[in-house]
Structures are given as C-alpha cells and as structure tokens.
Amino acid sequence: MLFRRLAVVASVAAIGGLSLPLAGAEPGPVVEPVGAEVAPPPDAGRVVSPPPQVLDTPDGWKLVLGAKDETQVISSPLTTAISSREYVVGGTYEGSLEGPDDGEGTRGTIEVGYQIGCGIDMSTSNGVSLTGTVGLNPSIGILGTEVVSPLPDGILPGIGGNIGGGITVGLKPGIINIVPVTKKEFDGAKPWVMISNFHVKIDGCVGQSFLRSYAFLTRSTKVSDAIVAYYGETKTV
C-alpha cells in the first residue's frame, strides 16, 4: 500500500509540473515571409513642370510665368464609352512682372487651361453607319417556239434580285480640344492661379489621347500688350 501511494503522488506531481507555465517566457519577433510583395503607393499623378518662361519687353519689363505641383490623373468617364477621355488635374501657376517705374503700373490678365489632343476624331464625322443596296431584275421567257409554228406556246415570266450591304466608319484627323479653366484680370506684380480636383474631358476620341496644361500672362498698357505663354509636359494615354 505504501508503494502504491508513493506512485500516485509521483504521478500527480509529474502531471502538475507539465502544466506549470515557464517563467520569463516572451513572444519572439514577428518574421515577415520571404518574398512578400509590398503594395505600390497610389498614383498621385505628379507631373514634372518645365522651367518658367521669360519674356523681356522693349520698354524694359520682364515677365515670368511658370507652374508647380502639377497633377494629372486618368479618370473613368461618366459615359463609360471607350471613345471618351477624362482626367482630374491640378496645379499652381505663378506669374511675375518686374520693370521700371514708368507710371503705367502692372496690370493685365492671367489665363490657365488644358489642351487634350486626340489622334483620330469621331465627334465631327458621320461615325459608324450601315449602307446597303436592293435591286429587282424582271424577265420574260418564251416556251414552245418552232420553225413550223413561230407562235409561242406560252410565256414564262421571271424575276431576280440582288442585295448588298456594308459598314462605313467616318474618321477624321485628330483635333485639339481646349478647356479653359479661368481668366483673371489683376493689378499687381505677382498674379497666381491654383487649381485642384478639376475634371477635363473629350468625347469622340479614338486611339491615343494627349494632355497638357497651358497658361498665358499678359501685361497691358495704353499702347501695348506683352504676352508670355507656358505649356506643361505632354502626358500620353
């Protein structure tokens, strides 16, 4: 009996020892699986702006026009048509006027917009149309004519027809669609325009399309107008 009790106590102690937690145990570092792909960042549509354009006028004025923070993102058109193109654009367009104090002051206009070029235009053509022709050819035959009796024994009328069809696609050389955004009159030496989340689109465009920004800065006096133009980088889709 003594040996049985000692065996039971030893068994209980062994089982209890297995269930005790290990002191000081800490979770190990999380190991990333080898070859795991990192999702690319979303396309912000950043466009590199060309250097500012500079114009020196005969009366000693210097006009500078440039842009920064330009964005152009392709957007799904509301029409869902494959011949429509739509973009979401933005940017800041800054002008500068410096010159002698001739009493004329610095006043003029700054205009900003976008140009969308289309390789093939369907908007001003006939588009896709169906063509067809139908014709009838009546005929009469004579039956039973002989040398002895030249009179015919009967007449056999007949009729034949022809049907033809085709598809024509009216295409024209590409066009440039100009989308003006704003034209502002100003008095001062530092005019600027900021655009954000502006949608521009063109319909009836087949093939590739091209997008670029434009801006015009005009200094006006009583006797002259000085205009400098800026064009952004062309984005091809």
C-alpha atoms as a PDB file:
ATOM      1  CA  MET A   1       0.000   0.000   0.000  1.00  0.00           C
ATOM      2  CA  LEU A   2       2.844   2.396   0.745  1.00  0.00           C
ATOM      3  CA  PHE A   3       4.405   1.852  -2.671  1.00  0.00           C
ATOM      4  CA  ARG A   4       1.035   2.484  -4.420  1.00  0.00           C
ATOM      5  CA  ARG A   5       0.521   5.810  -2.568  1.00  0.00           C
ATOM      6  CA  LEU A   6       4.041   6.948  -3.461  1.00  0.00           C
ATOM      7  CA  ALA A   7       3.435   6.054  -7.124  1.00  0.00           C
ATOM      8  CA  VAL A   8       0.136   8.007  -7.207  1.00  0.00           C
ATOM      9  CA  VAL A   9       1.741  11.091  -5.573  1.00  0.00           C
ATOM     10  CA  ALA A  10       4.651  10.960  -8.054  1.00  0.00           C
ATOM     11  CA  SER A  11       2.239  10.744 -10.989  1.00  0.00           C
ATOM     12  CA  VAL A  12       0.196  13.757  -9.796  1.00  0.00           C
ATOM     13  CA  ALA A  13       3.379  15.780  -9.233  1.00  0.00           C
ATOM     14  CA  ALA A  14       4.632  14.937 -12.720  1.00  0.00           C
ATOM     15  CA  ILE A  15       1.326  15.959 -14.364  1.00  0.00           C
ATOM     16  CA  GLY A  16       1.180  19.205 -12.375  1.00  0.00           C
ATOM     17  CA  GLY A  17       4.741  20.031 -13.338  1.00  0.00           C
ATOM     18  CA  LEU A  18       3.879  19.691 -17.023  1.00  0.00           C
ATOM     19  CA  SER A  19       1.016  22.181 -16.722  1.00  0.00           C
ATOM     20  CA  LEU A  20       3.037  24.909 -14.992  1.00  0.00           C
ATOM     21  CA  PRO A  21       3.908  27.903 -17.286  1.00  0.00           C
ATOM     22  CA  LEU A  22       7.537  28.669 -17.962  1.00  0.00           C
ATOM     23  CA  ALA A  23       8.704  31.713 -16.036  1.00  0.00           C
ATOM     24  CA  GLY A  24      10.064  34.645 -18.069  1.00  0.00           C
ATOM     25  CA  ALA A  25       8.772  33.413 -21.470  1.00  0.00           C
ATOM     26  CA  GLU A  26       8.324  36.296 -24.016  1.00  0.00           C
ATOM     27  CA  PRO A  27       6.880  36.255 -27.531  1.00  0.00           C
ATOM     28  CA  GLY A  28       9.517  36.194 -30.252  1.00  0.00           C
ATOM     29  CA  PRO A  29       9.838  38.766 -33.044  1.00  0.00           C
ATOM     30  CA  VAL A  30       7.380  38.642 -35.952  1.00  0.00           C
ATOM     31  CA  VAL A  31       9.160  37.363 -39.039  1.00  0.00           C
ATOM     32  CA  GLU A  32       7.892  38.555 -42.414  1.00  0.00           C
ATOM     33  CA  PRO A  33       7.581  35.795 -45.001  1.00  0.00           C
ATOM     34  CA  VAL A  34      10.358  35.733 -47.560  1.00  0.00           C
ATOM     35  CA  GLY A  35       9.347  37.228 -50.918  1.00  0.00           C
ATOM     36  CA  ALA A  36       6.311  39.103 -49.583  1.00  0.00           C
ATOM     37  CA  GLU A  37       5.241  41.843 -52.036  1.00  0.00           C
ATOM     38  CA  VAL A  38       4.687  45.377 -50.841  1.00  0.00           C
ATOM     39  CA  ALA A  39       1.712  47.144 -52.421  1.00  0.00           C
ATOM     40  CA  PRO A  40       2.794  50.112 -54.575  1.00  0.00           C
ATOM     41  CA  PRO A  41       1.737  53.568 -53.416  1.00  0.00           C
ATOM     42  CA  PRO A  42      -1.320  55.062 -55.135  1.00  0.00           C
ATOM     43  CA  ASP A  43      -0.672  57.097 -58.265  1.00  0.00           C
ATOM     44  CA  ALA A  44      -0.774  60.775 -57.306  1.00  0.00           C
ATOM     45  CA  GLY A  45      -0.390  61.796 -60.944  1.00  0.00           C
ATOM     46  CA  ARG A  46       2.592  64.082 -60.338  1.00  0.00           C
ATOM     47  CA  VAL A  47       3.791  65.817 -63.498  1.00  0.00           C
ATOM     48  CA  VAL A  48       7.208  67.443 -63.829  1.00  0.00           C
ATOM     49  CA  SER A  49       6.743  71.093 -64.798  1.00  0.00           C
ATOM     50  CA  PRO A  50       9.071  72.610 -67.407  1.00  0.00           C
ATOM     51  CA  PRO A  51      11.179  75.651 -66.466  1.00  0.00           C
ATOM     52  CA  PRO A  52       9.357  79.010 -66.290  1.00  0.00           C
ATOM     53  CA  GLN A  53       9.039  81.054 -69.469  1.00  0.00           C
ATOM     54  CA  VAL A  54      10.649  84.503 -69.546  1.00  0.00           C
ATOM     55  CA  LEU A  55       9.837  87.477 -71.787  1.00  0.00           C
ATOM     56  CA  ASP A  56      11.830  90.735 -71.933  1.00  0.00           C
ATOM     57  CA  THR A  57       9.839  93.616 -73.426  1.00  0.00           C
ATOM     58  CA  PRO A  58      11.215  96.610 -75.370  1.00  0.00           C
ATOM     59  CA  ASP A  59      10.155  99.010 -72.597  1.00  0.00           C
ATOM     60  CA  GLY A  60      12.337  97.263 -70.011  1.00  0.00           C
ATOM     61  CA  TRP A  61       9.830  94.908 -68.377  1.00  0.00           C
ATOM     62  CA  LYS A  62      10.459  91.249 -67.562  1.00  0.00           C
ATOM     63  CA  LEU A  63       7.557  88.787 -67.498  1.00  0.00           C
ATOM     64  CA  VAL A  64       7.995  85.330 -65.940  1.00  0.00           C
ATOM     65  CA  LEU A  65       5.376  82.568 -65.989  1.00  0.00           C
ATOM     66  CA  GLY A  66       5.707  79.042 -64.577  1.00  0.00           C
ATOM     67  CA  ALA A  67       3.931  76.252 -62.722  1.00  0.00           C
ATOM     68  CA  LYS A  68       4.481  73.870 -59.820  1.00  0.00           C
ATOM     69  CA  ASP A  69       2.737  70.932 -58.096  1.00  0.00           C
ATOM     70  CA  GLU A  70       1.031  69.861 -61.335  1.00  0.00           C
ATOM     71  CA  THR A  71      -1.051  66.672 -61.230  1.00  0.00           C
ATOM     72  CA  GLN A  72      -2.854  64.744 -63.965  1.00  0.00           C
ATOM     73  CA  VAL A  73      -4.741  61.560 -63.089  1.00  0.00           C
ATOM     74  CA  ILE A  74      -6.733  59.427 -65.537  1.00  0.00           C
ATOM     75  CA  SER A  75     -10.383  59.098 -64.507  1.00  0.00           C
ATOM     76  CA  SER A  76     -13.170  56.814 -65.737  1.00  0.00           C
ATOM     77  CA  PRO A  77     -15.613  58.882 -67.820  1.00  0.00           C
ATOM     78  CA  LEU A  78     -19.247  59.065 -66.750  1.00  0.00           C
ATOM     79  CA  THR A  79     -20.346  57.905 -70.212  1.00  0.00           C
ATOM     80  CA  THR A  80     -18.347  54.640 -69.849  1.00  0.00           C
ATOM     81  CA  ALA A  81     -17.686  54.931 -73.613  1.00  0.00           C
ATOM     82  CA  ILE A  82     -14.302  53.836 -74.926  1.00  0.00           C
ATOM     83  CA  SER A  83     -14.250  56.971 -77.125  1.00  0.00           C
ATOM     84  CA  SER A  84     -14.348  59.323 -74.092  1.00  0.00           C
ATOM     85  CA  ARG A  85     -11.302  60.562 -72.167  1.00  0.00           C
ATOM     86  CA  GLU A  86     -11.414  62.210 -68.743  1.00  0.00           C
ATOM     87  CA  TYR A  87      -8.686  63.481 -66.406  1.00  0.00           C
ATOM     88  CA  VAL A  88      -8.520  65.022 -62.930  1.00  0.00           C
ATOM     89  CA  VAL A  89      -5.967  67.845 -62.924  1.00  0.00           C
ATOM     90  CA  GLY A  90      -4.450  70.409 -60.601  1.00  0.00           C
ATOM     91  CA  GLY A  91      -1.519  72.757 -60.103  1.00  0.00           C
ATOM     92  CA  THR A  92      -0.356  76.251 -59.186  1.00  0.00           C
ATOM     93  CA  TYR A  93       0.512  78.767 -61.910  1.00  0.00           C
ATOM     94  CA  GLU A  94       2.530  81.805 -60.916  1.00  0.00           C
ATOM     95  CA  GLY A  95       3.434  84.974 -62.787  1.00  0.00           C
ATOM     96  CA  SER A  96       5.909  87.739 -62.070  1.00  0.00           C
ATOM     97  CA  LEU A  97       6.282  91.223 -63.566  1.00  0.00           C
ATOM     98  CA  GLU A  98       9.344  93.407 -62.974  1.00  0.00           C
ATOM     99  CA  GLY A  99      10.275  96.658 -64.640  1.00  0.00           C
ATOM    100  CA  PRO A 100      10.924 100.397 -64.363  1.00  0.00           C
ATOM    101  CA  ASP A 101       8.555 102.752 -62.599  1.00  0.00           C
ATOM    102  CA  ASP A 102       7.096 104.299 -65.748  1.00  0.00           C
ATOM    103  CA  GLY A 103       3.750 105.228 -64.262  1.00  0.00           C
ATOM    104  CA  GLU A 104       1.867 102.528 -66.193  1.00  0.00           C
ATOM    105  CA  GLY A 105       1.701 100.116 -63.266  1.00  0.00           C
ATOM    106  CA  THR A 106       1.380  96.353 -63.518  1.00  0.00           C
ATOM    107  CA  ARG A 107      -1.989  95.202 -64.731  1.00  0.00           C
ATOM    108  CA  GLY A 108      -3.106  92.531 -67.116  1.00  0.00           C
ATOM    109  CA  THR A 109      -4.615  89.048 -67.232  1.00  0.00           C
ATOM    110  CA  ILE A 110      -3.540  85.507 -66.406  1.00  0.00           C
ATOM    111  CA  GLU A 111      -5.312  82.600 -68.117  1.00  0.00           C
ATOM    112  CA  VAL A 112      -4.997  78.891 -67.317  1.00  0.00           C
ATOM    113  CA  GLY A 113      -6.464  75.852 -69.038  1.00  0.00           C
ATOM    114  CA  TYR A 114      -5.751  72.463 -70.588  1.00  0.00           C
ATOM    115  CA  GLN A 115      -5.402  71.018 -74.055  1.00  0.00           C
ATOM    116  CA  ILE A 116      -6.499  67.486 -74.931  1.00  0.00           C
ATOM    117  CA  GLY A 117      -5.207  66.092 -78.206  1.00  0.00           C
ATOM    118  CA  CYS A 118      -6.950  63.200 -79.969  1.00  0.00           C
ATOM    119  CA  GLY A 119      -5.255  61.044 -82.606  1.00  0.00           C
ATOM    120  CA  ILE A 120      -8.475  60.216 -84.523  1.00  0.00           C
ATOM    121  CA  ASP A 121     -11.673  62.246 -84.229  1.00  0.00           C
ATOM    122  CA  MET A 122     -15.161  60.750 -84.496  1.00  0.00           C
ATOM    123  CA  SER A 123     -17.089  63.640 -82.929  1.00  0.00           C
ATOM    124  CA  THR A 124     -17.492  65.703 -86.130  1.00  0.00           C
ATOM    125  CA  SER A 125     -17.717  62.848 -88.654  1.00  0.00           C
ATOM    126  CA  ASN A 126     -20.571  60.525 -89.618  1.00  0.00           C
ATOM    127  CA  GLY A 127     -19.405  57.948 -87.119  1.00  0.00           C
ATOM    128  CA  VAL A 128     -20.367  54.341 -87.859  1.00  0.00           C
ATOM    129  CA  SER A 129     -23.129  53.805 -90.422  1.00  0.00           C
ATOM    130  CA  LEU A 130     -24.637  50.888 -92.351  1.00  0.00           C
ATOM    131  CA  THR A 131     -25.008  51.011 -96.129  1.00  0.00           C
ATOM    132  CA  GLY A 132     -26.974  48.669 -98.406  1.00  0.00           C
ATOM    133  CA  THR A 133     -28.479  48.209-101.874  1.00  0.00           C
ATOM    134  CA  VAL A 134     -31.508  46.205-103.038  1.00  0.00           C
ATOM    135  CA  GLY A 135     -32.396  45.624-106.720  1.00  0.00           C
ATOM    136  CA  LEU A 136     -35.012  43.694-108.770  1.00  0.00           C
ATOM    137  CA  ASN A 137     -34.424  42.255-112.292  1.00  0.00           C
ATOM    138  CA  PRO A 138     -37.685  41.155-114.046  1.00  0.00           C
ATOM    139  CA  SER A 139     -37.502  38.866-117.127  1.00  0.00           C
ATOM    140  CA  ILE A 140     -39.890  37.082-119.555  1.00  0.00           C
ATOM    141  CA  GLY A 141     -39.261  33.703-121.271  1.00  0.00           C
ATOM    142  CA  ILE A 142     -40.967  32.200-124.361  1.00  0.00           C
ATOM    143  CA  LEU A 143     -41.880  28.494-124.494  1.00  0.00           C
ATOM    144  CA  GLY A 144     -42.550  26.120-127.450  1.00  0.00           C
ATOM    145  CA  THR A 145     -41.377  28.118-130.473  1.00  0.00           C
ATOM    146  CA  GLU A 146     -40.777  26.000-133.664  1.00  0.00           C
ATOM    147  CA  VAL A 147     -39.955  26.616-137.294  1.00  0.00           C
ATOM    148  CA  VAL A 148     -43.369  25.345-138.438  1.00  0.00           C
ATOM    149  CA  SER A 149     -45.274  27.327-135.861  1.00  0.00           C
ATOM    150  CA  PRO A 150     -43.410  30.511-134.913  1.00  0.00           C
ATOM    151  CA  LEU A 151     -46.064  31.418-132.405  1.00  0.00           C
ATOM    152  CA  PRO A 152     -45.037  30.708-128.804  1.00  0.00           C
ATOM    153  CA  ASP A 153     -46.852  28.066-126.818  1.00  0.00           C
ATOM    154  CA  GLY A 154     -46.513  30.014-123.617  1.00  0.00           C
ATOM    155  CA  ILE A 155     -44.838  32.838-121.786  1.00  0.00           C
ATOM    156  CA  LEU A 156     -42.810  32.292-118.592  1.00  0.00           C
ATOM    157  CA  PRO A 157     -42.314  35.434-116.505  1.00  0.00           C
ATOM    158  CA  GLY A 158     -39.385  35.601-114.065  1.00  0.00           C
ATOM    159  CA  ILE A 159     -37.903  37.947-111.540  1.00  0.00           C
ATOM    160  CA  GLY A 160     -34.485  38.118-109.892  1.00  0.00           C
ATOM    161  CA  GLY A 161     -32.951  40.284-107.204  1.00  0.00           C
ATOM    162  CA  ASN A 162     -29.714  41.320-105.573  1.00  0.00           C
ATOM    163  CA  ILE A 163     -28.937  42.568-102.085  1.00  0.00           C
ATOM    164  CA  GLY A 164     -25.687  44.135-100.959  1.00  0.00           C
ATOM    165  CA  GLY A 165     -24.550  45.788 -97.727  1.00  0.00           C
ATOM    166  CA  GLY A 166     -21.592  47.266 -95.921  1.00  0.00           C
ATOM    167  CA  ILE A 167     -20.356  49.228 -92.904  1.00  0.00           C
ATOM    168  CA  THR A 168     -18.639  52.595 -93.158  1.00  0.00           C
ATOM    169  CA  VAL A 169     -16.693  54.302 -90.366  1.00  0.00           C
ATOM    170  CA  GLY A 170     -16.227  58.063 -90.637  1.00  0.00           C
ATOM    171  CA  LEU A 171     -12.851  59.051 -89.216  1.00  0.00           C
ATOM    172  CA  LYS A 172     -11.127  62.434 -89.347  1.00  0.00           C
ATOM    173  CA  PRO A 173      -7.601  63.560 -88.492  1.00  0.00           C
ATOM    174  CA  GLY A 174      -7.025  64.354 -84.834  1.00  0.00           C
ATOM    175  CA  ILE A 175      -8.167  67.533 -83.134  1.00  0.00           C
ATOM    176  CA  ILE A 176      -7.123  69.509 -80.064  1.00  0.00           C
ATOM    177  CA  ASN A 177      -9.830  70.266 -77.547  1.00  0.00           C
ATOM    178  CA  ILE A 178      -9.093  73.406 -75.490  1.00  0.00           C
ATOM    179  CA  VAL A 179     -10.599  73.507 -71.995  1.00  0.00           C
ATOM    180  CA  PRO A 180     -10.206  76.989 -70.441  1.00  0.00           C
ATOM    181  CA  VAL A 181     -10.389  76.946 -66.647  1.00  0.00           C
ATOM    182  CA  THR A 182     -10.088  80.605 -65.680  1.00  0.00           C
ATOM    183  CA  LYS A 183      -9.033  84.018 -66.962  1.00  0.00           C
ATOM    184  CA  LYS A 184      -8.371  86.613 -64.287  1.00  0.00           C
ATOM    185  CA  GLU A 185      -7.659  90.322 -64.501  1.00  0.00           C
ATOM    186  CA  PHE A 186      -5.127  91.576 -61.955  1.00  0.00           C
ATOM    187  CA  ASP A 187      -3.405  94.694 -60.654  1.00  0.00           C
ATOM    188  CA  GLY A 188      -0.046  93.870 -59.094  1.00  0.00           C
ATOM    189  CA  ALA A 189       3.251  92.178 -59.749  1.00  0.00           C
ATOM    190  CA  LYS A 190       2.635  88.587 -58.514  1.00  0.00           C
ATOM    191  CA  PRO A 191      -0.527  87.073 -60.046  1.00  0.00           C
ATOM    192  CA  TRP A 192      -1.217  83.383 -59.485  1.00  0.00           C
ATOM    193  CA  VAL A 193      -3.905  80.730 -60.033  1.00  0.00           C
ATOM    194  CA  MET A 194      -4.345  77.480 -58.080  1.00  0.00           C
ATOM    195  CA  ILE A 195      -6.390  74.553 -59.449  1.00  0.00           C
ATOM    196  CA  SER A 196      -7.385  71.407 -57.562  1.00  0.00           C
ATOM    197  CA  ASN A 197      -9.504  68.355 -58.472  1.00  0.00           C
ATOM    198  CA  PHE A 198     -10.686  69.825 -61.788  1.00  0.00           C
ATOM    199  CA  HIS A 199     -12.156  67.400 -64.357  1.00  0.00           C
ATOM    200  CA  VAL A 200     -11.461  67.826 -68.079  1.00  0.00           C
ATOM    201  CA  LYS A 201     -12.738  65.503 -70.808  1.00  0.00           C
ATOM    202  CA  ILE A 202     -13.130  64.936 -74.536  1.00  0.00           C
ATOM    203  CA  ASP A 203     -15.638  62.743 -76.408  1.00  0.00           C
ATOM    204  CA  GLY A 204     -15.428  61.025 -79.769  1.00  0.00           C
ATOM    205  CA  CYS A 205     -11.713  60.228 -79.445  1.00  0.00           C
ATOM    206  CA  VAL A 206     -10.290  57.009 -80.900  1.00  0.00           C
ATOM    207  CA  GLY A 207      -6.792  55.760 -80.172  1.00  0.00           C
ATOM    208  CA  GLN A 208      -4.292  57.641 -78.047  1.00  0.00           C
ATOM    209  CA  SER A 209      -5.007  60.935 -76.352  1.00  0.00           C
ATOM    210  CA  PHE A 210      -2.619  63.603 -75.078  1.00  0.00           C
ATOM    211  CA  LEU A 211      -2.978  66.112 -72.254  1.00  0.00           C
ATOM    212  CA  ARG A 212      -1.009  69.213 -71.280  1.00  0.00           C
ATOM    213  CA  SER A 213      -1.604  72.420 -69.349  1.00  0.00           C
ATOM    214  CA  TYR A 214      -1.246  75.934 -70.681  1.00  0.00           C
ATOM    215  CA  ALA A 215      -1.113  79.430 -69.183  1.00  0.00           C
ATOM    216  CA  PHE A 216      -0.943  82.938 -70.662  1.00  0.00           C
ATOM    217  CA  LEU A 217       0.314  86.013 -68.818  1.00  0.00           C
ATOM    218  CA  THR A 218      -0.466  89.417 -70.344  1.00  0.00           C
ATOM    219  CA  ARG A 219       0.787  92.831 -69.269  1.00  0.00           C
ATOM    220  CA  SER A 220      -1.342  95.608 -70.718  1.00  0.00           C
ATOM    221  CA  THR A 221      -0.631  99.324 -71.082  1.00  0.00           C
ATOM    222  CA  LYS A 222      -2.363 102.077 -73.006  1.00  0.00           C
ATOM    223  CA  VAL A 223      -0.217 101.401 -76.052  1.00  0.00           C
ATOM    224  CA  SER A 224       0.935  97.774 -75.802  1.00  0.00           C
ATOM    225  CA  ASP A 225       0.279  94.194 -74.741  1.00  0.00           C
ATOM    226  CA  ALA A 226       3.086  91.798 -73.794  1.00  0.00           C
ATOM    227  CA  ILE A 227       2.140  88.106 -73.661  1.00  0.00           C
ATOM    228  CA  VAL A 228       4.192  85.148 -72.438  1.00  0.00           C
ATOM    229  CA  ALA A 229       2.881  81.585 -72.799  1.00  0.00           C
ATOM    230  CA  TYR A 230       3.639  78.476 -70.751  1.00  0.00           C
ATOM    231  CA  TYR A 231       2.918  74.870 -71.802  1.00  0.00           C
ATOM    232  CA  GLY A 232       3.274  71.900 -69.469  1.00  0.00           C
ATOM    233  CA  GLU A 233       4.635  68.462 -70.214  1.00  0.00           C
ATOM    234  CA  THR A 234       2.509  66.323 -72.549  1.00  0.00           C
ATOM    235  CA  LYS A 235       1.050  63.189 -70.955  1.00  0.00           C
ATOM    236  CA  THR A 236       0.230  60.335 -73.325  1.00  0.00           C
ATOM    237  CA  VAL A 237      -2.524  57.808 -72.698  1.00  0.00           C
END
